[in-house]
Amino acid sequence: KASHFWTYRTENSPGQSQAEYLNSYLELIEKHFPALQQLGIKRQDVSILLDYSYAESCDLEFPAETLYRLGRSGIFLEISCHQAAHSVARCLE
């Protein structure tokens, strides 16, 4: 396990798909990976967390090209789905 910890947090832009969001992270990591390697960070030490809030159902869609790119990169993808707070409040009424 890596002894380093690095985090970068951002939110989807309005109208940005989950695939576009994932691709933007892959571009960022690929661009800066040589510097991360110099710090002793390996590809298997890197993960992308997609924190997804939904109202009615948790539906995520990724094009095959994006998943292929992610697989080739060796970077982990974690997905956390949770019901939006306003939906939870509506259910409690």
N, C-alpha and C. Protein backbone atom coordinates (compact mmCIF):
# COMPACT_ATOMS: atom_id res chain seq x y z
N LYS A 1 0.84 -1.19 0.00
CA LYS A 1 0.00 0.00 0.00
C LYS A 1 0.88 1.25 0.00
N ALA A 2 0.45 2.25 -0.72
CA ALA A 2 1.23 3.48 -0.83
C ALA A 2 1.27 4.21 0.51
N SER A 3 2.39 4.85 0.78
CA SER A 3 2.50 5.63 2.01
C SER A 3 2.11 7.08 1.77
N HIS A 4 1.68 7.40 0.56
CA HIS A 4 1.30 8.76 0.20
C HIS A 4 -0.21 8.84 0.04
N PHE A 5 -0.76 10.00 0.30
CA PHE A 5 -2.18 10.21 0.09
C PHE A 5 -2.36 11.53 -0.62
N TRP A 6 -3.10 11.50 -1.70
CA TRP A 6 -3.37 12.70 -2.47
C TRP A 6 -4.85 12.68 -2.82
N THR A 7 -5.48 13.80 -2.71
CA THR A 7 -6.90 13.88 -3.06
C THR A 7 -7.14 15.11 -3.91
N TYR A 8 -8.06 14.97 -4.82
CA TYR A 8 -8.49 16.07 -5.67
C TYR A 8 -10.00 15.94 -5.78
N ARG A 9 -10.70 16.95 -5.37
CA ARG A 9 -12.16 16.88 -5.37
C ARG A 9 -12.73 17.96 -6.28
N THR A 10 -13.70 17.55 -7.06
CA THR A 10 -14.41 18.47 -7.92
C THR A 10 -15.82 17.93 -8.11
N GLU A 11 -16.68 18.74 -8.63
CA GLU A 11 -18.05 18.33 -8.88
C GLU A 11 -18.34 18.41 -10.37
N ASN A 12 -19.30 17.59 -10.79
CA ASN A 12 -19.72 17.64 -12.19
C ASN A 12 -20.19 19.04 -12.53
N SER A 13 -19.85 19.47 -13.72
CA SER A 13 -20.40 20.72 -14.24
C SER A 13 -21.84 20.45 -14.67
N PRO A 14 -22.70 21.46 -14.63
CA PRO A 14 -24.08 21.26 -15.09
C PRO A 14 -24.09 20.68 -16.51
N GLY A 15 -24.84 19.62 -16.70
CA GLY A 15 -24.94 18.98 -18.00
C GLY A 15 -23.82 18.01 -18.33
N GLN A 16 -22.83 17.88 -17.44
CA GLN A 16 -21.70 16.98 -17.69
C GLN A 16 -22.11 15.56 -17.32
N SER A 17 -21.89 14.62 -18.21
CA SER A 17 -22.22 13.22 -17.95
C SER A 17 -21.17 12.59 -17.02
N GLN A 18 -21.52 11.45 -16.45
CA GLN A 18 -20.57 10.74 -15.59
C GLN A 18 -19.35 10.30 -16.40
N ALA A 19 -19.55 9.94 -17.67
CA ALA A 19 -18.44 9.54 -18.52
C ALA A 19 -17.48 10.71 -18.77
N GLU A 20 -18.03 11.90 -19.01
CA GLU A 20 -17.19 13.09 -19.21
C GLU A 20 -16.42 13.41 -17.94
N TYR A 21 -17.08 13.26 -16.81
CA TYR A 21 -16.45 13.49 -15.51
C TYR A 21 -15.29 12.51 -15.30
N LEU A 22 -15.53 11.24 -15.57
CA LEU A 22 -14.51 10.21 -15.43
C LEU A 22 -13.35 10.48 -16.39
N ASN A 23 -13.66 10.83 -17.62
CA ASN A 23 -12.61 11.14 -18.59
C ASN A 23 -11.76 12.34 -18.16
N SER A 24 -12.39 13.34 -17.54
CA SER A 24 -11.61 14.50 -17.08
C SER A 24 -10.62 14.10 -16.00
N TYR A 25 -11.01 13.18 -15.11
CA TYR A 25 -10.08 12.69 -14.09
C TYR A 25 -8.96 11.88 -14.71
N LEU A 26 -9.31 11.02 -15.66
CA LEU A 26 -8.27 10.22 -16.32
C LEU A 26 -7.26 11.12 -17.02
N GLU A 27 -7.73 12.17 -17.68
CA GLU A 27 -6.82 13.11 -18.34
C GLU A 27 -5.91 13.78 -17.33
N LEU A 28 -6.47 14.20 -16.20
CA LEU A 28 -5.68 14.84 -15.16
C LEU A 28 -4.59 13.90 -14.62
N ILE A 29 -4.98 12.68 -14.33
CA ILE A 29 -4.02 11.71 -13.77
C ILE A 29 -2.97 11.35 -14.81
N GLU A 30 -3.40 11.08 -16.04
CA GLU A 30 -2.44 10.72 -17.09
C GLU A 30 -1.44 11.85 -17.33
N LYS A 31 -1.91 13.08 -17.29
CA LYS A 31 -1.04 14.24 -17.51
C LYS A 31 0.02 14.37 -16.43
N HIS A 32 -0.36 14.08 -15.19
CA HIS A 32 0.55 14.28 -14.06
C HIS A 32 1.14 12.99 -13.50
N PHE A 33 0.91 11.87 -14.19
CA PHE A 33 1.38 10.62 -13.62
C PHE A 33 2.90 10.52 -13.49
N PRO A 34 3.68 11.05 -14.43
CA PRO A 34 5.14 10.99 -14.22
C PRO A 34 5.57 11.64 -12.90
N ALA A 35 4.95 12.75 -12.52
CA ALA A 35 5.28 13.40 -11.25
C ALA A 35 4.84 12.54 -10.07
N LEU A 36 3.69 11.87 -10.20
CA LEU A 36 3.23 10.98 -9.13
C LEU A 36 4.18 9.79 -8.98
N GLN A 37 4.66 9.26 -10.10
CA GLN A 37 5.61 8.16 -10.05
C GLN A 37 6.89 8.55 -9.32
N GLN A 38 7.34 9.77 -9.52
CA GLN A 38 8.55 10.24 -8.84
C GLN A 38 8.35 10.29 -7.33
N LEU A 39 7.10 10.38 -6.89
CA LEU A 39 6.78 10.36 -5.46
C LEU A 39 6.57 8.95 -4.94
N GLY A 40 6.73 7.96 -5.83
CA GLY A 40 6.57 6.57 -5.43
C GLY A 40 5.15 6.05 -5.54
N ILE A 41 4.29 6.78 -6.22
CA ILE A 41 2.89 6.37 -6.37
C ILE A 41 2.75 5.56 -7.66
N LYS A 42 2.17 4.36 -7.52
CA LYS A 42 1.95 3.48 -8.66
C LYS A 42 0.50 3.59 -9.11
N ARG A 43 0.23 3.16 -10.31
CA ARG A 43 -1.14 3.24 -10.84
C ARG A 43 -2.14 2.50 -9.96
N GLN A 44 -1.75 1.37 -9.42
CA GLN A 44 -2.67 0.60 -8.56
C GLN A 44 -2.91 1.29 -7.21
N ASP A 45 -2.16 2.35 -6.92
CA ASP A 45 -2.37 3.13 -5.69
C ASP A 45 -3.40 4.24 -5.90
N VAL A 46 -3.83 4.45 -7.16
CA VAL A 46 -4.72 5.55 -7.50
C VAL A 46 -6.14 5.02 -7.67
N SER A 47 -7.10 5.75 -7.14
CA SER A 47 -8.50 5.41 -7.39
C SER A 47 -9.30 6.68 -7.61
N ILE A 48 -10.35 6.53 -8.37
CA ILE A 48 -11.28 7.63 -8.64
C ILE A 48 -12.58 7.27 -7.94
N LEU A 49 -13.07 8.18 -7.12
CA LEU A 49 -14.34 7.97 -6.43
C LEU A 49 -15.39 8.82 -7.11
N LEU A 50 -16.42 8.17 -7.60
CA LEU A 50 -17.57 8.86 -8.19
C LEU A 50 -18.68 8.81 -7.14
N ASP A 51 -18.96 9.93 -6.55
CA ASP A 51 -20.00 10.05 -5.52
C ASP A 51 -21.26 10.54 -6.22
N TYR A 52 -22.25 9.66 -6.35
CA TYR A 52 -23.41 9.92 -7.19
C TYR A 52 -24.68 10.03 -6.35
N SER A 53 -25.33 11.17 -6.44
CA SER A 53 -26.58 11.41 -5.73
C SER A 53 -27.73 11.29 -6.73
N TYR A 54 -28.77 10.58 -6.34
CA TYR A 54 -29.89 10.37 -7.25
C TYR A 54 -31.22 10.66 -6.56
N ALA A 55 -32.25 10.91 -7.37
CA ALA A 55 -33.58 11.20 -6.83
C ALA A 55 -34.47 9.96 -6.88
N GLU A 56 -34.65 9.37 -8.05
CA GLU A 56 -35.59 8.25 -8.20
C GLU A 56 -34.89 6.90 -8.32
N SER A 57 -33.84 6.84 -9.11
CA SER A 57 -33.09 5.59 -9.27
C SER A 57 -31.63 5.92 -9.57
N CYS A 58 -30.77 4.98 -9.27
CA CYS A 58 -29.33 5.17 -9.48
C CYS A 58 -28.96 4.55 -10.82
N ASP A 59 -28.95 5.36 -11.86
CA ASP A 59 -28.65 4.89 -13.21
C ASP A 59 -27.38 5.57 -13.70
N LEU A 60 -26.36 4.78 -13.93
CA LEU A 60 -25.08 5.28 -14.44
C LEU A 60 -24.79 4.59 -15.76
N GLU A 61 -24.24 5.33 -16.69
CA GLU A 61 -23.92 4.77 -18.00
C GLU A 61 -22.55 5.26 -18.43
N PHE A 62 -21.71 4.33 -18.86
CA PHE A 62 -20.37 4.67 -19.34
C PHE A 62 -20.16 4.02 -20.70
N PRO A 63 -19.66 4.78 -21.67
CA PRO A 63 -19.34 4.20 -22.97
C PRO A 63 -18.21 3.17 -22.84
N ALA A 64 -18.23 2.20 -23.72
CA ALA A 64 -17.20 1.15 -23.70
C ALA A 64 -15.80 1.74 -23.80
N GLU A 65 -15.64 2.81 -24.59
CA GLU A 65 -14.32 3.42 -24.76
C GLU A 65 -13.78 3.97 -23.44
N THR A 66 -14.67 4.54 -22.63
CA THR A 66 -14.26 5.09 -21.34
C THR A 66 -13.84 3.97 -20.40
N LEU A 67 -14.62 2.89 -20.36
CA LEU A 67 -14.29 1.76 -19.48
C LEU A 67 -13.01 1.07 -19.94
N TYR A 68 -12.82 0.98 -21.26
CA TYR A 68 -11.59 0.40 -21.80
C TYR A 68 -10.39 1.25 -21.39
N ARG A 69 -10.52 2.55 -21.52
CA ARG A 69 -9.44 3.48 -21.13
C ARG A 69 -9.12 3.35 -19.65
N LEU A 70 -10.16 3.26 -18.82
CA LEU A 70 -9.96 3.09 -17.39
C LEU A 70 -9.25 1.77 -17.09
N GLY A 71 -9.68 0.70 -17.73
CA GLY A 71 -9.05 -0.60 -17.53
C GLY A 71 -7.58 -0.61 -17.94
N ARG A 72 -7.27 0.01 -19.07
CA ARG A 72 -5.87 0.09 -19.52
C ARG A 72 -5.02 0.91 -18.58
N SER A 73 -5.64 1.90 -17.91
CA SER A 73 -4.88 2.78 -17.03
C SER A 73 -4.44 2.08 -15.75
N GLY A 74 -5.16 1.04 -15.33
CA GLY A 74 -4.83 0.36 -14.08
C GLY A 74 -5.34 1.10 -12.85
N ILE A 75 -6.13 2.14 -13.06
CA ILE A 75 -6.66 2.96 -11.96
C ILE A 75 -7.99 2.39 -11.51
N PHE A 76 -8.22 2.36 -10.21
CA PHE A 76 -9.46 1.84 -9.65
C PHE A 76 -10.57 2.86 -9.77
N LEU A 77 -11.80 2.36 -9.92
CA LEU A 77 -12.99 3.22 -9.92
C LEU A 77 -13.89 2.75 -8.79
N GLU A 78 -14.21 3.67 -7.89
CA GLU A 78 -15.16 3.41 -6.81
C GLU A 78 -16.39 4.26 -7.08
N ILE A 79 -17.58 3.65 -6.92
CA ILE A 79 -18.82 4.38 -7.13
C ILE A 79 -19.65 4.29 -5.86
N SER A 80 -20.04 5.44 -5.35
CA SER A 80 -20.89 5.52 -4.16
C SER A 80 -22.20 6.19 -4.57
N CYS A 81 -23.30 5.46 -4.47
CA CYS A 81 -24.62 5.98 -4.84
C CYS A 81 -25.43 6.21 -3.57
N HIS A 82 -26.07 7.36 -3.50
CA HIS A 82 -26.93 7.64 -2.35
C HIS A 82 -28.10 8.50 -2.79
N GLN A 83 -29.22 8.30 -2.12
CA GLN A 83 -30.42 9.05 -2.45
C GLN A 83 -30.26 10.50 -2.02
N ALA A 84 -30.67 11.42 -2.89
CA ALA A 84 -30.57 12.85 -2.60
C ALA A 84 -31.40 13.20 -1.37
N ALA A 85 -30.91 14.14 -0.59
CA ALA A 85 -31.56 14.52 0.67
C ALA A 85 -32.99 14.96 0.46
N HIS A 86 -33.29 15.72 -0.58
CA HIS A 86 -34.67 16.18 -0.79
C HIS A 86 -35.60 15.01 -1.07
N SER A 87 -35.09 13.94 -1.70
CA SER A 87 -35.91 12.76 -1.95
C SER A 87 -36.20 12.02 -0.64
N VAL A 88 -35.19 11.95 0.23
CA VAL A 88 -35.36 11.27 1.51
C VAL A 88 -36.41 12.03 2.34
N ALA A 89 -36.32 13.35 2.36
CA ALA A 89 -37.29 14.16 3.13
C ALA A 89 -38.69 13.95 2.59
N ARG A 90 -38.84 13.87 1.28
CA ARG A 90 -40.15 13.68 0.67
C ARG A 90 -40.74 12.32 1.08
N CYS A 91 -39.89 11.31 1.17
CA CYS A 91 -40.35 9.98 1.56
C CYS A 91 -40.81 9.94 3.02
N LEU A 92 -40.26 10.79 3.85
CA LEU A 92 -40.59 10.79 5.27
C LEU A 92 -41.87 11.55 5.57
N GLU A 93 -42.36 12.33 4.63
CA GLU A 93 -43.56 13.14 4.87
C GLU A 93 -44.81 12.28 4.90
